[in-house]
């Protein structure tokens, strides 16, 4: 696991000194997770710590990182984020967060994930959280269906050579 590299990129991507999103660092973070160099559980835990920073700039950039890894890093990240614990943590963060941009981004992400995972029974907690929050009176930002799109899972192709010199191609989803 490349913890030092991940931490360096996470610190850069969420720096309070940023004037705009550091996409280069975010893409490096996504690559580290997708390649299996950084475990999804560790990455999401580190990002969640950044969400609780007192500086709203750090929190908003951490939400950008979180959104990007959910969209680009596949099931291992989805399993970590679309959990009861993470949904509860986001709801708690909303209660103590006064910065409107951070609040709106949290609401936006919960809504987008509820839409994206609507047909995934194992991620029902996201849909439930969204519905409960609507009933509680939370006002969600305007939503476009394209906001909930994810990158396709990476697929590796393996060529197996047989004795009859006929190649067999096996398609396997990449496990991270």
C-alpha atoms as a PDB file:
ATOM      1  CA  UNK A   1       0.000   0.000   0.000  1.00  0.00           C
ATOM      2  CA  UNK A   2       1.358   3.413  -0.986  1.00  0.00           C
ATOM      3  CA  UNK A   3       0.120   5.258   2.094  1.00  0.00           C
ATOM      4  CA  UNK A   4       2.645   8.076   1.858  1.00  0.00           C
ATOM      5  CA  UNK A   5       1.808   8.753  -1.786  1.00  0.00           C
ATOM      6  CA  UNK A   6      -1.923   8.662  -1.059  1.00  0.00           C
ATOM      7  CA  UNK A   7      -1.560  11.014   1.920  1.00  0.00           C
ATOM      8  CA  UNK A   8       0.544  13.443  -0.106  1.00  0.00           C
ATOM      9  CA  UNK A   9      -2.056  13.601  -2.873  1.00  0.00           C
ATOM     10  CA  UNK A  10      -4.949  13.800  -0.387  1.00  0.00           C
ATOM     11  CA  UNK A  11      -3.270  16.703   1.408  1.00  0.00           C
ATOM     12  CA  UNK A  12      -2.674  18.497  -1.888  1.00  0.00           C
ATOM     13  CA  UNK A  13      -6.218  17.862  -3.153  1.00  0.00           C
ATOM     14  CA  UNK A  14      -7.783  19.227   0.048  1.00  0.00           C
ATOM     15  CA  UNK A  15      -5.382  22.049   0.866  1.00  0.00           C
ATOM     16  CA  UNK A  16      -6.967  25.159   2.340  1.00  0.00           C
ATOM     17  CA  UNK A  17      -4.662  27.165   0.063  1.00  0.00           C
ATOM     18  CA  UNK A  18      -6.248  25.908  -3.161  1.00  0.00           C
ATOM     19  CA  UNK A  19      -8.064  28.390  -5.358  1.00  0.00           C
ATOM     20  CA  UNK A  20      -9.564  25.679  -7.549  1.00  0.00           C
ATOM     21  CA  UNK A  21      -9.946  21.919  -7.566  1.00  0.00           C
ATOM     22  CA  UNK A  22      -6.625  20.067  -7.934  1.00  0.00           C
ATOM     23  CA  UNK A  23      -7.723  17.502 -10.514  1.00  0.00           C
ATOM     24  CA  UNK A  24      -4.209  16.142 -10.966  1.00  0.00           C
ATOM     25  CA  UNK A  25      -4.040  15.062  -7.321  1.00  0.00           C
ATOM     26  CA  UNK A  26      -7.597  13.713  -7.419  1.00  0.00           C
ATOM     27  CA  UNK A  27      -6.788  11.607 -10.477  1.00  0.00           C
ATOM     28  CA  UNK A  28      -3.671  10.292  -8.734  1.00  0.00           C
ATOM     29  CA  UNK A  29      -5.821   9.325  -5.744  1.00  0.00           C
ATOM     30  CA  UNK A  30      -8.259   7.519  -8.049  1.00  0.00           C
ATOM     31  CA  UNK A  31      -5.385   5.706  -9.756  1.00  0.00           C
ATOM     32  CA  UNK A  32      -3.906   4.586  -6.428  1.00  0.00           C
ATOM     33  CA  UNK A  33      -7.245   3.131  -5.361  1.00  0.00           C
ATOM     34  CA  UNK A  34      -8.108   1.535  -8.715  1.00  0.00           C
ATOM     35  CA  UNK A  35      -4.675  -0.075  -9.005  1.00  0.00           C
ATOM     36  CA  UNK A  36      -5.000  -1.501  -5.517  1.00  0.00           C
ATOM     37  CA  UNK A  37      -2.047   0.488  -4.179  1.00  0.00           C
ATOM     38  CA  UNK A  38      -4.330   2.070  -1.573  1.00  0.00           C
ATOM     39  CA  UNK A  39      -7.154   0.134   0.062  1.00  0.00           C
ATOM     40  CA  UNK A  40     -10.605   1.679  -0.410  1.00  0.00           C
ATOM     41  CA  UNK A  41     -11.326   1.430   3.316  1.00  0.00           C
ATOM     42  CA  UNK A  42      -8.172   3.383   4.181  1.00  0.00           C
ATOM     43  CA  UNK A  43      -8.794   5.984   1.458  1.00  0.00           C
ATOM     44  CA  UNK A  44     -12.404   6.639   2.440  1.00  0.00           C
ATOM     45  CA  UNK A  45     -11.431   6.853   6.114  1.00  0.00           C
ATOM     46  CA  UNK A  46      -8.768   9.437   5.328  1.00  0.00           C
ATOM     47  CA  UNK A  47     -11.152  11.453   3.150  1.00  0.00           C
ATOM     48  CA  UNK A  48     -13.835  11.381   5.869  1.00  0.00           C
ATOM     49  CA  UNK A  49     -11.339  12.869   8.337  1.00  0.00           C
ATOM     50  CA  UNK A  50     -10.827  15.762   5.927  1.00  0.00           C
ATOM     51  CA  UNK A  51     -14.606  16.296   5.780  1.00  0.00           C
ATOM     52  CA  UNK A  52     -14.568  17.178   9.471  1.00  0.00           C
ATOM     53  CA  UNK A  53     -11.906  19.865   9.113  1.00  0.00           C
ATOM     54  CA  UNK A  54     -12.933  23.195  10.638  1.00  0.00           C
ATOM     55  CA  UNK A  55     -11.927  24.994   7.462  1.00  0.00           C
ATOM     56  CA  UNK A  56     -14.838  24.821   4.977  1.00  0.00           C
ATOM     57  CA  UNK A  57     -12.419  24.958   2.025  1.00  0.00           C
ATOM     58  CA  UNK A  58     -10.801  21.711   3.164  1.00  0.00           C
ATOM     59  CA  UNK A  59     -14.235  20.121   3.623  1.00  0.00           C
ATOM     60  CA  UNK A  60     -15.511  21.167   0.183  1.00  0.00           C
ATOM     61  CA  UNK A  61     -12.370  19.859  -1.516  1.00  0.00           C
ATOM     62  CA  UNK A  62     -12.661  16.615   0.470  1.00  0.00           C
ATOM     63  CA  UNK A  63     -16.214  16.281  -0.866  1.00  0.00           C
ATOM     64  CA  UNK A  64     -14.854  16.770  -4.397  1.00  0.00           C
ATOM     65  CA  UNK A  65     -12.348  13.975  -3.782  1.00  0.00           C
ATOM     66  CA  UNK A  66     -15.076  11.760  -2.322  1.00  0.00           C
ATOM     67  CA  UNK A  67     -17.331  12.377  -5.313  1.00  0.00           C
ATOM     68  CA  UNK A  68     -14.519  11.555  -7.726  1.00  0.00           C
ATOM     69  CA  UNK A  69     -13.472   8.314  -6.059  1.00  0.00           C
ATOM     70  CA  UNK A  70     -17.091   7.128  -5.875  1.00  0.00           C
ATOM     71  CA  UNK A  71     -17.556   7.890  -9.569  1.00  0.00           C
ATOM     72  CA  UNK A  72     -14.256   6.388 -10.694  1.00  0.00           C
ATOM     73  CA  UNK A  73     -13.071   3.658  -8.347  1.00  0.00           C
ATOM     74  CA  UNK A  74     -15.815   1.050  -8.444  1.00  0.00           C
ATOM     75  CA  UNK A  75     -17.383  -1.395  -6.061  1.00  0.00           C
ATOM     76  CA  UNK A  76     -14.772  -1.429  -3.308  1.00  0.00           C
ATOM     77  CA  UNK A  77     -15.290   2.302  -2.803  1.00  0.00           C
ATOM     78  CA  UNK A  78     -19.058   1.969  -3.213  1.00  0.00           C
ATOM     79  CA  UNK A  79     -19.085  -0.637  -0.439  1.00  0.00           C
ATOM     80  CA  UNK A  80     -17.344   1.812   1.898  1.00  0.00           C
ATOM     81  CA  UNK A  81     -19.380   4.900   1.028  1.00  0.00           C
ATOM     82  CA  UNK A  82     -22.822   3.332   0.589  1.00  0.00           C
ATOM     83  CA  UNK A  83     -22.813   2.112   4.171  1.00  0.00           C
ATOM     84  CA  UNK A  84     -24.938   2.958   7.177  1.00  0.00           C
ATOM     85  CA  UNK A  85     -21.881   4.334   8.982  1.00  0.00           C
ATOM     86  CA  UNK A  86     -20.960   6.736   6.177  1.00  0.00           C
ATOM     87  CA  UNK A  87     -24.552   7.894   5.706  1.00  0.00           C
ATOM     88  CA  UNK A  88     -24.832   8.586   9.453  1.00  0.00           C
ATOM     89  CA  UNK A  89     -21.528  10.468   9.405  1.00  0.00           C
ATOM     90  CA  UNK A  90     -22.713  12.642   6.515  1.00  0.00           C
ATOM     91  CA  UNK A  91     -25.997  13.376   8.317  1.00  0.00           C
ATOM     92  CA  UNK A  92     -24.065  14.333  11.468  1.00  0.00           C
ATOM     93  CA  UNK A  93     -21.770  16.550   9.432  1.00  0.00           C
ATOM     94  CA  UNK A  94     -24.832  18.323   8.017  1.00  0.00           C
ATOM     95  CA  UNK A  95     -26.068  19.061  11.544  1.00  0.00           C
ATOM     96  CA  UNK A  96     -22.880  20.859  12.553  1.00  0.00           C
ATOM     97  CA  UNK A  97     -21.911  22.364   9.196  1.00  0.00           C
ATOM     98  CA  UNK A  98     -22.977  25.971   8.718  1.00  0.00           C
ATOM     99  CA  UNK A  99     -21.155  26.705   5.452  1.00  0.00           C
ATOM    100  CA  UNK A 100     -23.855  26.639   2.708  1.00  0.00           C
ATOM    101  CA  UNK A 101     -21.530  25.320  -0.022  1.00  0.00           C
ATOM    102  CA  UNK A 102     -20.496  22.349   2.111  1.00  0.00           C
ATOM    103  CA  UNK A 103     -24.092  21.621   3.151  1.00  0.00           C
ATOM    104  CA  UNK A 104     -25.310  21.777  -0.454  1.00  0.00           C
ATOM    105  CA  UNK A 105     -22.509  19.518  -1.661  1.00  0.00           C
ATOM    106  CA  UNK A 106     -23.332  16.883   0.974  1.00  0.00           C
ATOM    107  CA  UNK A 107     -27.021  17.001   0.013  1.00  0.00           C
ATOM    108  CA  UNK A 108     -26.122  16.857  -3.671  1.00  0.00           C
ATOM    109  CA  UNK A 109     -23.916  13.773  -3.187  1.00  0.00           C
ATOM    110  CA  UNK A 110     -26.484  11.882  -1.117  1.00  0.00           C
ATOM    111  CA  UNK A 111     -29.097  12.615  -3.773  1.00  0.00           C
ATOM    112  CA  UNK A 112     -26.802  11.609  -6.652  1.00  0.00           C
ATOM    113  CA  UNK A 113     -25.786   8.373  -4.921  1.00  0.00           C
ATOM    114  CA  UNK A 114     -29.414   7.545  -4.079  1.00  0.00           C
ATOM    115  CA  UNK A 115     -30.195   7.852  -7.771  1.00  0.00           C
ATOM    116  CA  UNK A 116     -27.108   5.957  -8.917  1.00  0.00           C
ATOM    117  CA  UNK A 117     -27.627   3.077  -6.472  1.00  0.00           C
ATOM    118  CA  UNK A 118     -31.431   2.924  -6.791  1.00  0.00           C
ATOM    119  CA  UNK A 119     -31.294  -0.540  -8.395  1.00  0.00           C
ATOM    120  CA  UNK A 120     -28.628  -1.950  -6.067  1.00  0.00           C
ATOM    121  CA  UNK A 121     -30.291  -3.696  -3.100  1.00  0.00           C
ATOM    122  CA  UNK A 122     -27.062  -3.894  -1.112  1.00  0.00           C
ATOM    123  CA  UNK A 123     -26.807  -0.089  -1.179  1.00  0.00           C
ATOM    124  CA  UNK A 124     -30.412   0.493  -0.075  1.00  0.00           C
ATOM    125  CA  UNK A 125     -29.200   2.482   2.933  1.00  0.00           C
ATOM    126  CA  UNK A 126     -28.336   5.378   0.603  1.00  0.00           C
ATOM    127  CA  UNK A 127     -31.851   5.450  -0.847  1.00  0.00           C
ATOM    128  CA  UNK A 128     -33.323   5.170   2.667  1.00  0.00           C
ATOM    129  CA  UNK A 129     -31.137   8.018   3.939  1.00  0.00           C
ATOM    130  CA  UNK A 130     -32.177  10.228   1.036  1.00  0.00           C
ATOM    131  CA  UNK A 131     -35.891   9.511   1.550  1.00  0.00           C
ATOM    132  CA  UNK A 132     -35.694  10.099   5.320  1.00  0.00           C
ATOM    133  CA  UNK A 133     -33.856  13.370   4.794  1.00  0.00           C
ATOM    134  CA  UNK A 134     -36.507  14.539   2.320  1.00  0.00           C
ATOM    135  CA  UNK A 135     -39.222  13.747   4.884  1.00  0.00           C
ATOM    136  CA  UNK A 136     -37.212  15.635   7.521  1.00  0.00           C
ATOM    137  CA  UNK A 137     -37.393  18.712   5.297  1.00  0.00           C
ATOM    138  CA  UNK A 138     -33.912  18.860   3.816  1.00  0.00           C
ATOM    139  CA  UNK A 139     -33.961  20.788   0.556  1.00  0.00           C
ATOM    140  CA  UNK A 140     -31.835  19.076  -2.061  1.00  0.00           C
ATOM    141  CA  UNK A 141     -30.206  20.993  -4.918  1.00  0.00           C
ATOM    142  CA  UNK A 142     -31.399  20.643  -8.492  1.00  0.00           C
ATOM    143  CA  UNK A 143     -30.393  17.267  -9.872  1.00  0.00           C
ATOM    144  CA  UNK A 144     -29.393  16.092 -13.342  1.00  0.00           C
ATOM    145  CA  UNK A 145     -29.372  12.357 -14.033  1.00  0.00           C
ATOM    146  CA  UNK A 146     -25.938  12.641 -15.650  1.00  0.00           C
ATOM    147  CA  UNK A 147     -24.562  13.713 -12.243  1.00  0.00           C
ATOM    148  CA  UNK A 148     -25.053  10.156 -10.992  1.00  0.00           C
ATOM    149  CA  UNK A 149     -23.038   8.459 -13.729  1.00  0.00           C
ATOM    150  CA  UNK A 150     -20.059   6.326 -12.799  1.00  0.00           C
ATOM    151  CA  UNK A 151     -17.055   5.188 -14.773  1.00  0.00           C
ATOM    152  CA  UNK A 152     -17.337   1.629 -15.995  1.00  0.00           C
ATOM    153  CA  UNK A 153     -15.611  -1.072 -14.006  1.00  0.00           C
ATOM    154  CA  UNK A 154     -12.201  -1.861 -15.405  1.00  0.00           C
ATOM    155  CA  UNK A 155     -11.989  -5.158 -17.204  1.00  0.00           C
ATOM    156  CA  UNK A 156      -8.846  -7.148 -17.835  1.00  0.00           C
ATOM    157  CA  UNK A 157      -8.495  -9.570 -20.680  1.00  0.00           C
ATOM    158  CA  UNK A 158      -6.293 -12.592 -20.258  1.00  0.00           C
ATOM    159  CA  UNK A 159      -5.130 -14.689 -23.185  1.00  0.00           C
ATOM    160  CA  UNK A 160      -4.741 -18.368 -22.455  1.00  0.00           C
ATOM    161  CA  UNK A 161      -2.585 -20.247 -24.900  1.00  0.00           C
ATOM    162  CA  UNK A 162      -3.726 -23.763 -25.630  1.00  0.00           C
ATOM    163  CA  UNK A 163      -1.775 -26.643 -27.104  1.00  0.00           C
ATOM    164  CA  UNK A 164      -3.786 -26.475 -30.336  1.00  0.00           C
ATOM    165  CA  UNK A 165      -2.469 -22.940 -30.834  1.00  0.00           C
ATOM    166  CA  UNK A 166      -5.967 -21.562 -30.460  1.00  0.00           C
ATOM    167  CA  UNK A 167      -6.065 -18.600 -28.159  1.00  0.00           C
ATOM    168  CA  UNK A 168      -8.883 -18.271 -25.672  1.00  0.00           C
ATOM    169  CA  UNK A 169      -9.666 -14.821 -24.337  1.00  0.00           C
ATOM    170  CA  UNK A 170     -11.089 -14.643 -20.849  1.00  0.00           C
ATOM    171  CA  UNK A 171     -12.762 -11.447 -19.702  1.00  0.00           C
ATOM    172  CA  UNK A 172     -12.543 -10.814 -15.961  1.00  0.00           C
ATOM    173  CA  UNK A 173     -13.599  -7.764 -13.951  1.00  0.00           C
ATOM    174  CA  UNK A 174     -10.682  -6.152 -12.212  1.00  0.00           C
ATOM    175  CA  UNK A 175     -10.835  -6.646  -8.490  1.00  0.00           C
ATOM    176  CA  UNK A 176      -9.560  -3.816  -6.335  1.00  0.00           C
END
